[in-house]
């Protein structure tokens, strides 16, 4: 019985390694879009992957471990942005408006994306930010590619209205 547990742990570790190797570069690219900084993107991706590893026994059983990974990275980035905004306000006050405006713009975009219905948000993140095609995104979401395109279209319309013409 003990050997089965060891084999299962080894198999699970191998599965995470394969998951890690497949997703790491895409995750860094996605987080780079969020942060605009390579070092911050790599740190964010590393932290998200570490958190997934901590919960791998549950995450690997999920319908979309990739979705869980990217949602974890987005949540970590949201926390990072909140800390940056608070620090910028504290340090800069009103004297250096540009740095604060950039941080606030990012927060505005994240808020607008967060306000989208979950299906539209998932389509937007998978296709626009992570670079999946509509076929691949449809497979990940369990829907037809045409449905992905429809969700993406509605998400973009909503974001244009909320952000005054800026695309996310």
Protein backbone atom coordinates (compact mmCIF):
# COMPACT_ATOMS: atom_id res chain seq x y z
CA UNK A 1 0.00 0.00 0.00
CA UNK A 2 2.83 2.41 0.79
CA UNK A 3 4.42 1.92 -2.65
CA UNK A 4 1.17 2.96 -4.34
CA UNK A 5 1.28 6.25 -2.43
CA UNK A 6 4.91 6.82 -3.46
CA UNK A 7 4.12 6.04 -7.10
CA UNK A 8 1.10 8.34 -6.98
CA UNK A 9 3.22 11.14 -5.50
CA UNK A 10 5.87 10.60 -8.17
CA UNK A 11 3.24 10.60 -10.91
CA UNK A 12 1.67 13.74 -9.46
CA UNK A 13 5.08 15.46 -9.35
CA UNK A 14 5.74 14.45 -12.98
CA UNK A 15 2.32 15.77 -13.96
CA UNK A 16 3.06 19.12 -12.31
CA UNK A 17 6.44 19.30 -14.06
CA UNK A 18 4.71 18.79 -17.41
CA UNK A 19 2.07 21.38 -16.48
CA UNK A 20 4.80 23.79 -15.38
CA UNK A 21 6.82 23.35 -18.57
CA UNK A 22 3.74 23.80 -20.75
CA UNK A 23 2.31 26.86 -18.96
CA UNK A 24 5.28 28.82 -17.57
CA UNK A 25 6.25 30.76 -20.70
CA UNK A 26 2.63 31.60 -21.56
CA UNK A 27 2.00 32.69 -17.99
CA UNK A 28 5.06 34.96 -17.98
CA UNK A 29 3.88 36.51 -21.25
CA UNK A 30 0.40 37.04 -19.82
CA UNK A 31 1.72 38.58 -16.61
CA UNK A 32 4.06 40.77 -18.67
CA UNK A 33 0.96 42.24 -20.32
CA UNK A 34 -0.38 42.99 -16.86
CA UNK A 35 2.78 44.40 -15.31
CA UNK A 36 4.74 45.90 -18.19
CA UNK A 37 7.92 44.72 -16.46
CA UNK A 38 9.78 41.46 -17.14
CA UNK A 39 11.07 41.01 -13.59
CA UNK A 40 7.66 41.67 -12.05
CA UNK A 41 6.02 39.35 -14.58
CA UNK A 42 8.43 36.53 -13.76
CA UNK A 43 7.92 37.06 -10.02
CA UNK A 44 4.16 37.04 -10.44
CA UNK A 45 4.26 33.90 -12.58
CA UNK A 46 6.57 32.17 -10.11
CA UNK A 47 4.31 33.01 -7.17
CA UNK A 48 1.20 31.79 -9.04
CA UNK A 49 2.92 28.53 -9.99
CA UNK A 50 4.13 28.05 -6.41
CA UNK A 51 0.58 28.47 -5.12
CA UNK A 52 -0.73 25.99 -7.68
CA UNK A 53 1.99 23.50 -6.66
CA UNK A 54 0.92 23.83 -3.02
CA UNK A 55 -2.59 22.77 -4.04
CA UNK A 56 -1.67 20.51 -6.96
CA UNK A 57 -3.43 17.47 -5.51
CA UNK A 58 -6.73 19.39 -5.88
CA UNK A 59 -5.87 21.58 -8.86
CA UNK A 60 -4.88 18.65 -11.09
CA UNK A 61 -8.39 17.23 -10.63
CA UNK A 62 -10.06 20.46 -11.78
CA UNK A 63 -11.65 20.77 -15.20
CA UNK A 64 -9.21 23.57 -16.07
CA UNK A 65 -5.99 23.69 -14.03
CA UNK A 66 -4.80 26.34 -16.48
CA UNK A 67 -7.77 28.52 -15.64
CA UNK A 68 -7.01 28.17 -11.93
CA UNK A 69 -3.38 29.14 -12.58
CA UNK A 70 -4.28 32.25 -14.56
CA UNK A 71 -6.97 33.28 -12.09
CA UNK A 72 -4.38 32.94 -9.30
CA UNK A 73 -1.95 35.13 -11.24
CA UNK A 74 -4.67 37.74 -11.89
CA UNK A 75 -5.60 37.81 -8.21
CA UNK A 76 -1.96 38.18 -7.19
CA UNK A 77 -1.56 41.03 -9.66
CA UNK A 78 -4.69 42.74 -8.36
CA UNK A 79 -3.22 42.66 -4.85
CA UNK A 80 0.08 43.99 -6.19
CA UNK A 81 -1.69 46.88 -7.94
CA UNK A 82 -3.59 47.78 -4.79
CA UNK A 83 -0.34 47.91 -2.84
CA UNK A 84 1.29 50.03 -5.59
CA UNK A 85 -1.61 52.45 -5.69
CA UNK A 86 -1.62 52.89 -1.93
CA UNK A 87 2.16 53.35 -1.87
CA UNK A 88 2.05 55.83 -4.78
CA UNK A 89 -0.64 57.88 -3.10
CA UNK A 90 1.27 57.87 0.17
CA UNK A 91 4.65 58.74 -1.32
CA UNK A 92 3.61 60.99 -4.19
CA UNK A 93 0.56 62.66 -2.78
CA UNK A 94 -0.67 64.87 -5.58
CA UNK A 95 2.75 66.12 -6.76
CA UNK A 96 3.57 63.36 -9.28
CA UNK A 97 0.33 62.73 -11.09
CA UNK A 98 1.77 60.64 -13.98
CA UNK A 99 2.91 57.61 -11.98
CA UNK A 100 -0.32 57.61 -10.04
CA UNK A 101 -2.37 57.95 -13.24
CA UNK A 102 -0.66 54.90 -14.78
CA UNK A 103 -1.35 52.81 -11.69
CA UNK A 104 -4.94 54.05 -11.57
CA UNK A 105 -5.43 53.30 -15.28
CA UNK A 106 -4.33 49.72 -14.66
CA UNK A 107 -6.70 49.46 -11.74
CA UNK A 108 -9.51 50.92 -13.90
CA UNK A 109 -8.89 48.31 -16.61
CA UNK A 110 -8.80 45.51 -14.05
CA UNK A 111 -12.03 46.78 -12.47
CA UNK A 112 -13.71 46.98 -15.87
CA UNK A 113 -12.59 43.45 -16.76
CA UNK A 114 -13.66 42.22 -13.32
CA UNK A 115 -17.11 43.72 -13.83
CA UNK A 116 -17.71 41.64 -16.95
CA UNK A 117 -19.85 38.54 -16.58
CA UNK A 118 -17.58 35.56 -15.89
CA UNK A 119 -18.11 33.93 -19.33
CA UNK A 120 -17.11 37.13 -21.14
CA UNK A 121 -14.15 37.71 -18.81
CA UNK A 122 -12.89 34.16 -19.40
CA UNK A 123 -13.13 34.54 -23.19
CA UNK A 124 -11.35 37.89 -23.11
CA UNK A 125 -8.50 36.68 -20.94
CA UNK A 126 -7.98 33.45 -22.85
CA UNK A 127 -8.08 34.98 -26.33
CA UNK A 128 -6.81 38.55 -25.95
CA UNK A 129 -4.39 38.36 -23.04
CA UNK A 130 -3.20 34.76 -23.19
CA UNK A 131 -3.22 34.34 -26.96
CA UNK A 132 -5.38 31.23 -27.25
CA UNK A 133 -7.30 30.87 -30.50
CA UNK A 134 -11.08 30.67 -30.34
CA UNK A 135 -10.92 26.92 -31.02
CA UNK A 136 -8.52 26.34 -28.14
CA UNK A 137 -10.39 28.70 -25.82
CA UNK A 138 -13.65 26.95 -26.68
CA UNK A 139 -12.12 23.60 -25.81
CA UNK A 140 -10.86 24.94 -22.47
CA UNK A 141 -14.25 26.46 -21.68
CA UNK A 142 -16.26 23.53 -23.02
CA UNK A 143 -18.13 25.65 -25.59
CA UNK A 144 -18.18 26.19 -29.35
CA UNK A 145 -15.65 28.60 -30.93
CA UNK A 146 -18.55 30.74 -32.19
CA UNK A 147 -19.72 31.17 -28.61
CA UNK A 148 -16.21 32.29 -27.64
CA UNK A 149 -16.29 34.88 -30.44
CA UNK A 150 -19.70 36.13 -29.29
CA UNK A 151 -18.56 36.44 -25.68
CA UNK A 152 -15.41 38.21 -26.79
CA UNK A 153 -17.39 40.67 -28.94
CA UNK A 154 -19.76 41.53 -26.08
CA UNK A 155 -16.84 41.89 -23.66
CA UNK A 156 -15.06 44.31 -25.99
CA UNK A 157 -18.21 46.39 -26.49
CA UNK A 158 -18.71 46.68 -22.74
CA UNK A 159 -15.08 47.61 -22.11
CA UNK A 160 -15.14 50.28 -24.82
CA UNK A 161 -18.19 51.84 -23.15
CA UNK A 162 -16.68 51.65 -19.66
CA UNK A 163 -13.16 52.79 -20.59
CA UNK A 164 -14.12 55.49 -23.06
CA UNK A 165 -12.95 53.80 -26.25
CA UNK A 166 -9.79 52.13 -24.89
CA UNK A 167 -9.48 48.43 -25.60
CA UNK A 168 -8.28 46.10 -22.87
